[in-house]
Every structure is written in C-alpha cells, then in structure tokens.
C-alpha cells in the first residue's frame, strides 16, 4: 500500500473511532438501579468466606481495615464498578447476615469455574458454585425476593429487597473463566484445553441467555486476564527453560491460552448480539488493561509485578498470605503484608492489590478497551 493508502486508512480508522466516540458522547447516562455479578475471586465480595472459612487478616487491611471477604488488601474492580455507578458495594448472595439486596447481589465465589469440576474445594480450591449454580441461585433469588417483597409489611425490611421491575434495568456483570484455564493447565494437554475452550465459552453464553430470558438486558462481560503473569507460576519454578517466559517474565503458553479463550469469547458475544436482539452486551478487554499495567509497572508507579506483597516466599518455602508456618530457618513465620501495598501489583501471588485493581478499573470503565467503546455508565445502550 502506498503512503496515500496508509494515510487514507489511518484517517478512516480515526474517523471511525471519532464517530463512535461522538455517538457515545451523545448518549444519556444509564440509571442502573442494581448490579448482579457472576464470577470468581476476582469479583467475590464475601461469598466463599460466608460458605466456608472466612478470609483472614491482613486481607482487607488497606481500605476496609479488616477482612472483608475479598481476596485483596482492599477494593476489587467490582467495587470500583459500584462506585462508578453510584451504588453500594455488593453483598454476597451467600452471606446471610446483615445483607441488603436493594441494589443488587453478588453470586461470585472464589475458585468458581464456568464448567462444573469434579473436585472439592479442599483439594485444589475449586468452588462448588460453578457458573450454572450461580445462575440457579440468581433465579431462586429473583423468585424468592418477589414473594418476600409481596408479603413484607415492615417498610425497613422491604427496603432491603430488590424491586422486581428493576431486574430488567439492572446491569449484569461477568468476570469468570480464569479458573477453567488453571484447571486445564493442571489436568489437560494444551491440545485438549484448546479443544475445550468453545464449550467453556458456550456455557458462559448460556448463562447470559438465561438471564436475558428472565428479563435482563444490559451485560458487561470481562474477558480473562493474563494468567501467565501471576507470580504464583514462578513459586516452584525458579529456573524455567529458554522461551518459557516472555519479556515480562509471564508464562507464554498460559497467556496464549488466555488470548485464545478471549478470541472465542469475543466472537461468541458478537453472535449473542444477534441471538438476543434487545440486549446491550459489552465485551471488556481486561487482559489488555492488566498486561498493560504489568508491562509498564515502573512507569505507572508500581514495583516489580513479580514481587508478591503478602505472604512469605523465600526460595522454595511458601507461607501464604494470612497463614503461619516454618520459615527457611525453621522458626515460625506469619505471612504478613509488605510495607507499601499501594505500589505493589500482586497482593498474594494470585490476586491483585487494591492499587492495581483501581488502575485496571480506571482503564476499562471509560470504555476505551470495550467493544463497543462505550463507558460503563452508558452500557444500557445497544449498538
């Protein structure tokens, strides 16, 4: 292509983006009365803590000043979504004490997968609440709260329940799939995992279809992050072979699997838009945001992305965040927090810090990494 062709193509792309951005600017903000979230530990605000053992100190120390059911030192991307939409932080569906569901509920649990796994949580930390179970819980929640709302005479109690007409106006968010990949790395060959990805994605699409049939119309769907960049990958592999890691010390093959999952997910969402004609479905490239942060950690004010803030990790001795164990010199050690979590990306080797979550949220909620490229406050508008 000649220089004029390149200029013309560049101008066309610029104009296309300008038109899209102009269209987004012209759209009114959506008034989402509630958020219903489905996912894993990246967005769990207390589900797995309520169902099993509570998450311990020092989790939650930075923002909540106590453990708050979140796998971080503070807020998650899900919390920043609630803040952006001027809604309260989501109560976990499984948390029976002191909950208020007026503005939504969170069905995510740490360790959740899209496909059911034949494992217990005590073996590999895989939650029994796979995505189909979360959808079943949502369906039960919707039906049960309708009955309670109709029966309740006490206005104070009634005010903690969702208004049924608002289910169709709510925002339905999804952040799940990372654990399906981690199970695949553990149990399947690379070819077997690749062959399984379309089915995994189809089951996510089925969950969206189920909610659509129940009246949901606005969907905000995160793709999966660069799982190969989690420091846990190097805990027991201090001398990986040449070519195993990329320039950011991320496991290449794992990130390639995540990118393939994301490619299939994006294609399936395009198809879903034709299958669900009244739905507004936004595909959110969380992978790009997280990998962008890891690639430019120092420039963005963060320390080495492979350094873990919470826990004791010396040589091959690993005491996880919030646990006690014997250190390398055989004395008891507590897996505590680092001095300055605000500049760390990895909280515990698997999960991000509040600072990293805030950085990622600020790069996805404005719509710059979404398809269509609209901010979350306009995610009710169909394109």
Protein backbone atom coordinates (compact mmCIF):
# COMPACT_ATOMS: atom_id res chain seq x y z
CA UNK A 1 0.00 0.00 0.00
CA UNK A 2 1.37 3.45 -0.92
CA UNK A 3 1.74 6.33 1.51
CA UNK A 4 -1.58 7.83 0.40
CA UNK A 5 -3.29 4.49 1.05
CA UNK A 6 -1.77 4.31 4.53
CA UNK A 7 -2.83 7.89 5.25
CA UNK A 8 -6.35 7.21 3.96
CA UNK A 9 -6.66 4.04 6.04
CA UNK A 10 -5.35 5.81 9.13
CA UNK A 11 -7.78 8.68 8.56
CA UNK A 12 -10.68 6.23 8.09
CA UNK A 13 -9.83 4.45 11.34
CA UNK A 14 -9.51 7.78 13.16
CA UNK A 15 -12.85 8.97 11.75
CA UNK A 16 -14.50 5.66 12.69
CA UNK A 17 -13.27 5.98 16.27
CA UNK A 18 -14.25 9.65 16.32
CA UNK A 19 -17.78 8.81 15.12
CA UNK A 20 -18.10 6.05 17.75
CA UNK A 21 -16.79 8.33 20.48
CA UNK A 22 -19.09 11.11 19.28
CA UNK A 23 -22.04 8.72 19.36
CA UNK A 24 -21.12 7.66 22.89
CA UNK A 25 -20.82 11.29 23.99
CA UNK A 26 -24.33 11.92 22.71
CA UNK A 27 -25.85 9.05 24.69
CA UNK A 28 -27.50 9.75 28.04
CA UNK A 29 -26.13 8.05 31.14
CA UNK A 30 -27.95 4.88 32.17
CA UNK A 31 -29.63 4.81 35.54
CA UNK A 32 -28.78 1.31 36.70
CA UNK A 33 -30.74 0.64 39.91
CA UNK A 34 -28.76 -2.53 40.69
CA UNK A 35 -25.80 -4.73 39.73
CA UNK A 36 -25.89 -8.52 39.65
CA UNK A 37 -22.43 -10.02 39.42
CA UNK A 38 -21.25 -13.53 38.49
CA UNK A 39 -17.64 -14.63 38.77
CA UNK A 40 -14.71 -15.96 40.76
CA UNK A 41 -12.29 -14.48 43.33
CA UNK A 42 -11.57 -11.52 41.04
CA UNK A 43 -15.04 -10.20 41.96
CA UNK A 44 -16.09 -12.18 45.07
CA UNK A 45 -17.12 -9.74 47.82
CA UNK A 46 -17.72 -12.35 50.51
CA UNK A 47 -19.33 -15.46 49.02
CA UNK A 48 -16.61 -18.02 49.64
CA UNK A 49 -15.96 -16.51 53.10
CA UNK A 50 -19.63 -16.97 54.00
CA UNK A 51 -19.80 -20.51 52.64
CA UNK A 52 -16.53 -21.81 54.08
CA UNK A 53 -13.80 -20.34 56.30
CA UNK A 54 -13.62 -16.54 56.41
CA UNK A 55 -10.68 -14.82 54.73
CA UNK A 56 -8.14 -13.73 57.35
CA UNK A 57 -6.02 -10.74 58.30
CA UNK A 58 -4.24 -8.95 56.58
CA UNK A 59 -6.75 -9.20 53.72
CA UNK A 60 -8.83 -6.03 53.52
CA UNK A 61 -6.39 -4.01 55.65
CA UNK A 62 -5.86 -1.10 53.29
CA UNK A 63 -9.43 0.06 52.67
CA UNK A 64 -11.78 -1.85 54.97
CA UNK A 65 -9.22 -2.08 57.83
CA UNK A 66 -10.34 -5.67 58.39
CA UNK A 67 -11.01 -8.78 56.26
CA UNK A 68 -14.00 -8.03 54.03
CA UNK A 69 -14.47 -11.29 52.11
CA UNK A 70 -12.26 -10.04 49.29
CA UNK A 71 -9.00 -11.56 48.04
CA UNK A 72 -7.12 -8.27 48.17
CA UNK A 73 -5.88 -5.65 50.61
CA UNK A 74 -8.92 -3.54 49.73
CA UNK A 75 -11.35 -2.99 46.90
CA UNK A 76 -11.83 -5.09 43.78
CA UNK A 77 -12.72 -3.98 40.26
CA UNK A 78 -16.33 -4.92 41.19
CA UNK A 79 -16.22 -2.34 43.99
CA UNK A 80 -14.96 0.36 41.62
CA UNK A 81 -17.80 -0.53 39.24
CA UNK A 82 -20.29 0.05 42.07
CA UNK A 83 -18.63 3.36 42.92
CA UNK A 84 -18.72 4.46 39.27
CA UNK A 85 -22.45 3.72 39.09
CA UNK A 86 -23.01 5.41 42.48
CA UNK A 87 -24.34 2.20 44.01
CA UNK A 88 -23.42 0.49 47.31
CA UNK A 89 -20.82 -2.29 47.34
CA UNK A 90 -22.44 -5.61 46.50
CA UNK A 91 -23.48 -8.00 49.26
CA UNK A 92 -22.62 -11.63 48.61
CA UNK A 93 -25.68 -13.78 47.96
CA UNK A 94 -24.32 -16.46 50.30
CA UNK A 95 -23.84 -14.01 53.18
CA UNK A 96 -26.93 -14.42 55.36
CA UNK A 97 -26.02 -11.83 57.99
CA UNK A 98 -26.63 -8.10 57.68
CA UNK A 99 -27.20 -8.13 53.94
CA UNK A 100 -29.05 -5.57 51.84
CA UNK A 101 -30.05 -6.58 48.32
CA UNK A 102 -31.92 -3.43 47.32
CA UNK A 103 -29.27 -2.53 44.75
CA UNK A 104 -28.15 -5.97 43.64
CA UNK A 105 -26.35 -9.11 44.77
CA UNK A 106 -23.05 -10.84 44.11
CA UNK A 107 -23.10 -14.53 43.15
CA UNK A 108 -19.34 -14.76 42.55
CA UNK A 109 -17.26 -17.05 44.75
CA UNK A 110 -13.52 -17.52 44.90
CA UNK A 111 -12.45 -20.59 42.94
CA UNK A 112 -15.52 -20.63 40.68
CA UNK A 113 -15.35 -22.01 37.17
CA UNK A 114 -17.67 -21.77 34.18
CA UNK A 115 -17.81 -25.55 33.73
CA UNK A 116 -18.50 -27.85 36.68
CA UNK A 117 -15.37 -29.52 38.03
CA UNK A 118 -15.25 -32.92 39.69
CA UNK A 119 -13.12 -31.67 42.58
CA UNK A 120 -13.73 -30.45 46.11
CA UNK A 121 -12.65 -27.05 47.36
CA UNK A 122 -10.35 -28.79 49.85
CA UNK A 123 -8.26 -30.37 47.06
CA UNK A 124 -7.39 -27.50 44.74
CA UNK A 125 -9.56 -24.61 45.97
CA UNK A 126 -12.17 -25.03 43.22
CA UNK A 127 -15.55 -23.68 44.33
CA UNK A 128 -18.65 -25.89 44.12
CA UNK A 129 -20.52 -22.80 42.88
CA UNK A 130 -19.79 -23.04 39.16
CA UNK A 131 -21.48 -20.55 36.84
CA UNK A 132 -24.57 -22.71 36.28
CA UNK A 133 -25.02 -22.87 40.07
CA UNK A 134 -24.65 -19.10 40.31
CA UNK A 135 -27.38 -18.71 37.67
CA UNK A 136 -29.60 -21.18 39.56
CA UNK A 137 -29.03 -19.10 42.71
CA UNK A 138 -29.93 -15.92 40.81
CA UNK A 139 -33.16 -17.48 39.52
CA UNK A 140 -34.06 -18.57 43.04
CA UNK A 141 -33.12 -15.13 44.40
CA UNK A 142 -35.37 -13.40 41.87
CA UNK A 143 -38.35 -15.62 42.64
CA UNK A 144 -37.88 -15.65 46.41
CA UNK A 145 -37.40 -11.90 46.74
CA UNK A 146 -40.58 -11.32 44.73
CA UNK A 147 -42.51 -13.44 47.25
CA UNK A 148 -40.88 -11.74 50.24
CA UNK A 149 -41.48 -8.27 48.81
CA UNK A 150 -45.18 -9.03 48.33
CA UNK A 151 -45.54 -10.42 51.86
CA UNK A 152 -43.39 -7.96 53.83
CA UNK A 153 -45.28 -5.35 55.84
CA UNK A 154 -42.29 -3.77 57.57
CA UNK A 155 -41.01 -0.97 55.32
CA UNK A 156 -37.49 -1.12 56.79
CA UNK A 157 -37.23 -4.82 55.85
CA UNK A 158 -38.87 -4.23 52.49
CA UNK A 159 -36.27 -1.56 51.67
CA UNK A 160 -33.55 -4.25 51.75
CA UNK A 161 -35.19 -6.22 48.94
CA UNK A 162 -34.95 -5.59 45.19
CA UNK A 163 -37.90 -4.09 43.34
CA UNK A 164 -38.98 -6.66 40.75
CA UNK A 165 -39.46 -4.14 37.93
CA UNK A 166 -35.80 -3.17 38.27
CA UNK A 167 -34.34 -6.55 37.30
CA UNK A 168 -34.77 -5.58 33.65
CA UNK A 169 -32.98 -2.25 34.24
CA UNK A 170 -30.06 -3.71 36.22
CA UNK A 171 -26.51 -4.23 34.96
CA UNK A 172 -25.36 -7.86 34.80
CA UNK A 173 -21.59 -8.23 35.11
CA UNK A 174 -19.45 -11.31 34.46
CA UNK A 175 -15.80 -11.95 35.34
CA UNK A 176 -15.14 -15.68 35.15
CA UNK A 177 -13.07 -18.20 33.19
CA UNK A 178 -9.61 -17.85 34.73
CA UNK A 179 -10.08 -20.95 36.90
CA UNK A 180 -11.24 -23.03 33.93
CA UNK A 181 -7.86 -22.27 32.39
CA UNK A 182 -5.92 -23.05 35.58
CA UNK A 183 -7.74 -26.41 35.89
CA UNK A 184 -6.97 -27.06 32.23
CA UNK A 185 -3.25 -26.37 32.72
CA UNK A 186 -3.27 -28.89 35.56
CA UNK A 187 -5.36 -31.67 34.01
CA UNK A 188 -5.29 -31.34 30.21
CA UNK A 189 -2.75 -31.24 27.43
CA UNK A 190 -2.53 -27.95 25.50
CA UNK A 191 -4.46 -29.52 22.59
CA UNK A 192 -7.17 -30.84 24.92
CA UNK A 193 -7.55 -27.43 26.58
CA UNK A 194 -7.76 -25.68 23.22
CA UNK A 195 -10.47 -28.12 22.14
CA UNK A 196 -12.42 -27.44 25.35
CA UNK A 197 -12.45 -23.64 25.03
CA UNK A 198 -15.50 -23.33 22.70
CA UNK A 199 -17.62 -25.39 25.12
CA UNK A 200 -16.44 -23.31 28.10
CA UNK A 201 -17.36 -20.11 26.25
CA UNK A 202 -20.72 -21.54 25.14
CA UNK A 203 -21.61 -22.26 28.76
CA UNK A 204 -20.89 -18.61 29.60
CA UNK A 205 -23.12 -17.60 26.68
CA UNK A 206 -25.87 -19.90 28.04
CA UNK A 207 -25.71 -18.06 31.37
CA UNK A 208 -26.22 -14.74 29.57
CA UNK A 209 -29.14 -16.23 27.60
CA UNK A 210 -30.74 -17.47 30.83
CA UNK A 211 -30.65 -14.01 32.40
CA UNK A 212 -31.94 -12.46 29.16
CA UNK A 213 -34.92 -14.84 29.28
CA UNK A 214 -35.57 -13.63 32.84
CA UNK A 215 -35.66 -10.02 31.63
CA UNK A 216 -32.01 -8.90 31.90
CA UNK A 217 -30.95 -6.55 29.10
CA UNK A 218 -27.59 -4.92 29.97
CA UNK A 219 -24.48 -7.11 30.15
CA UNK A 220 -20.88 -6.12 30.94
CA UNK A 221 -18.59 -9.10 30.28
CA UNK A 222 -14.90 -9.15 31.20
CA UNK A 223 -12.53 -11.35 29.26
CA UNK A 224 -9.91 -13.26 31.22
CA UNK A 225 -6.64 -11.69 32.31
CA UNK A 226 -3.02 -12.69 31.60
CA UNK A 227 -2.97 -15.73 33.88
CA UNK A 228 0.62 -16.42 32.83
CA UNK A 229 1.68 -13.21 34.60
CA UNK A 230 0.62 -14.37 38.07
CA UNK A 231 3.73 -14.64 40.28
CA UNK A 232 2.50 -18.00 41.64
CA UNK A 233 3.67 -19.51 38.35
CA UNK A 234 7.27 -18.98 39.44
CA UNK A 235 6.92 -20.11 43.07
CA UNK A 236 8.11 -23.62 42.29
CA UNK A 237 9.88 -22.96 39.01
CA UNK A 238 12.87 -20.72 39.64
CA UNK A 239 14.79 -21.80 36.53
CA UNK A 240 12.35 -22.02 33.61
CA UNK A 241 13.77 -23.22 30.28
CA UNK A 242 14.58 -20.74 27.48
CA UNK A 243 11.47 -19.48 25.70
CA UNK A 244 9.16 -20.45 28.56
CA UNK A 245 8.68 -16.83 29.68
CA UNK A 246 8.03 -13.66 27.66
CA UNK A 247 9.86 -10.35 28.10
CA UNK A 248 7.74 -9.56 31.20
CA UNK A 249 8.51 -12.96 32.81
CA UNK A 250 5.00 -14.22 32.12
CA UNK A 251 4.42 -17.85 31.10
CA UNK A 252 3.93 -17.63 27.32
CA UNK A 253 1.80 -20.75 26.87
CA UNK A 254 -0.64 -19.72 29.61
CA UNK A 255 -1.13 -16.25 28.17
CA UNK A 256 -1.60 -17.75 24.70
CA UNK A 257 -4.40 -19.94 26.11
CA UNK A 258 -5.97 -16.88 27.76
CA UNK A 259 -5.83 -14.94 24.48
CA UNK A 260 -7.42 -17.85 22.61
CA UNK A 261 -10.21 -18.00 25.23
CA UNK A 262 -10.72 -14.26 24.77
CA UNK A 263 -10.80 -14.51 20.97
CA UNK A 264 -13.50 -17.19 21.11
CA UNK A 265 -15.42 -15.23 23.77
CA UNK A 266 -15.42 -12.06 21.66
CA UNK A 267 -16.68 -13.97 18.61
CA UNK A 268 -19.41 -15.60 20.71
CA UNK A 269 -20.54 -12.23 22.07
CA UNK A 270 -20.88 -10.92 18.50
CA UNK A 271 -23.15 -13.89 17.80
CA UNK A 272 -25.06 -13.37 21.06
CA UNK A 273 -25.97 -9.84 19.96
CA UNK A 274 -27.93 -11.28 17.03
CA UNK A 275 -29.47 -14.05 19.18
CA UNK A 276 -30.58 -11.61 21.90
CA UNK A 277 -31.86 -8.65 19.87
CA UNK A 278 -32.88 -6.48 22.83
CA UNK A 279 -29.63 -6.98 24.79
CA UNK A 280 -26.82 -4.44 25.16
CA UNK A 281 -23.69 -6.59 25.54
CA UNK A 282 -20.30 -5.00 26.20
CA UNK A 283 -17.11 -7.05 25.83
CA UNK A 284 -14.40 -5.66 28.11
CA UNK A 285 -10.71 -6.30 27.38
CA UNK A 286 -9.41 -6.71 30.92
CA UNK A 287 -6.47 -8.69 29.51
CA UNK A 288 -5.18 -5.61 27.69
CA UNK A 289 -5.50 -3.45 30.81
CA UNK A 290 -3.77 -5.94 33.13
CA UNK A 291 -0.99 -6.77 30.68
CA UNK A 292 -0.53 -3.05 30.02
CA UNK A 293 -0.05 -2.46 33.74
CA UNK A 294 2.41 -5.35 34.10
CA UNK A 295 4.37 -4.21 31.01
CA UNK A 296 4.68 -0.65 32.30
CA UNK A 297 4.73 -1.22 36.06
CA UNK A 298 7.63 1.08 36.86
CA UNK A 299 6.39 3.88 34.61
CA UNK A 300 2.97 3.68 36.28
CA UNK A 301 4.46 3.96 39.78
CA UNK A 302 4.42 0.27 40.74
CA UNK A 303 7.19 -2.07 41.82
CA UNK A 304 8.23 -5.33 40.13
CA UNK A 305 4.99 -7.10 39.11
CA UNK A 306 6.50 -10.49 40.01
CA UNK A 307 7.11 -9.43 43.62
CA UNK A 308 4.36 -10.59 46.00
CA UNK A 309 3.21 -8.15 48.70
CA UNK A 310 1.56 -10.52 51.18
CA UNK A 311 2.98 -13.85 52.35
CA UNK A 312 6.40 -15.35 52.97
CA UNK A 313 8.13 -16.58 49.83
CA UNK A 314 11.80 -17.39 50.25
CA UNK A 315 13.48 -19.90 47.92
CA UNK A 316 11.03 -22.83 47.80
CA UNK A 317 9.43 -22.10 51.18
CA UNK A 318 5.98 -20.58 50.74
CA UNK A 319 3.69 -19.42 53.54
CA UNK A 320 0.58 -17.94 52.03
CA UNK A 321 -0.85 -14.56 52.95
CA UNK A 322 -2.56 -14.68 56.35
CA UNK A 323 -1.09 -18.07 57.31
CA UNK A 324 1.62 -19.19 59.73
CA UNK A 325 4.36 -21.70 59.05
CA UNK A 326 8.02 -22.50 59.41
CA UNK A 327 10.45 -20.26 57.55
CA UNK A 328 13.74 -21.30 55.99
CA UNK A 329 15.48 -21.18 59.40
CA UNK A 330 12.72 -23.35 60.92
CA UNK A 331 11.27 -20.55 63.09
CA UNK A 332 7.55 -19.70 62.91
CA UNK A 333 6.72 -17.04 60.37
CA UNK A 334 3.47 -15.18 59.65
CA UNK A 335 2.66 -14.48 56.02
CA UNK A 336 2.05 -10.77 56.54
CA UNK A 337 1.76 -7.74 54.29
CA UNK A 338 4.57 -5.73 52.70
CA UNK A 339 5.38 -2.20 53.81
CA UNK A 340 3.66 -0.40 50.95
CA UNK A 341 0.87 -2.39 49.23
CA UNK A 342 -0.10 0.75 47.29
CA UNK A 343 2.86 0.30 44.94
CA UNK A 344 2.51 -3.48 44.57
CA UNK A 345 0.62 -5.16 41.73
CA UNK A 346 0.38 -8.68 43.15
CA UNK A 347 -1.20 -8.98 46.59
CA UNK A 348 -0.74 -12.69 47.32
CA UNK A 349 0.73 -14.22 44.17
CA UNK A 350 -2.68 -14.88 42.60
CA UNK A 351 -4.77 -11.75 43.24
CA UNK A 352 -4.16 -8.08 42.54
CA UNK A 353 -3.81 -5.33 45.14
CA UNK A 354 -6.39 -2.58 45.53
CA UNK A 355 -3.93 -0.20 43.83
CA UNK A 356 -3.66 -2.46 40.79
CA UNK A 357 -7.43 -3.06 40.73
CA UNK A 358 -8.01 0.70 40.80
CA UNK A 359 -5.54 1.21 37.93
CA UNK A 360 -7.23 -1.50 35.83
CA UNK A 361 -10.72 -0.17 36.65
CA UNK A 362 -9.72 3.33 35.56
CA UNK A 363 -8.62 1.91 32.20
CA UNK A 364 -11.72 -0.19 31.48
CA UNK A 365 -14.67 1.74 32.93
CA UNK A 366 -14.22 4.62 30.47
CA UNK A 367 -14.92 2.29 27.53
CA UNK A 368 -11.53 2.69 25.84
CA UNK A 369 -10.93 -1.08 25.98
CA UNK A 370 -14.52 -2.16 25.33
CA UNK A 371 -16.45 -3.38 22.31
CA UNK A 372 -18.48 -1.29 21.66
CA UNK A 373 -16.25 1.51 23.04
CA UNK A 374 -18.71 2.99 25.49
CA UNK A 375 -18.18 3.71 29.20
CA UNK A 376 -19.93 1.57 31.77
CA UNK A 377 -22.35 4.38 32.63
CA UNK A 378 -23.75 4.01 29.08
CA UNK A 379 -23.74 0.21 28.97
CA UNK A 380 -27.55 0.01 28.68
CA UNK A 381 -27.44 1.35 25.12
CA UNK A 382 -27.46 -1.21 22.34
CA UNK A 383 -25.15 -0.68 19.34
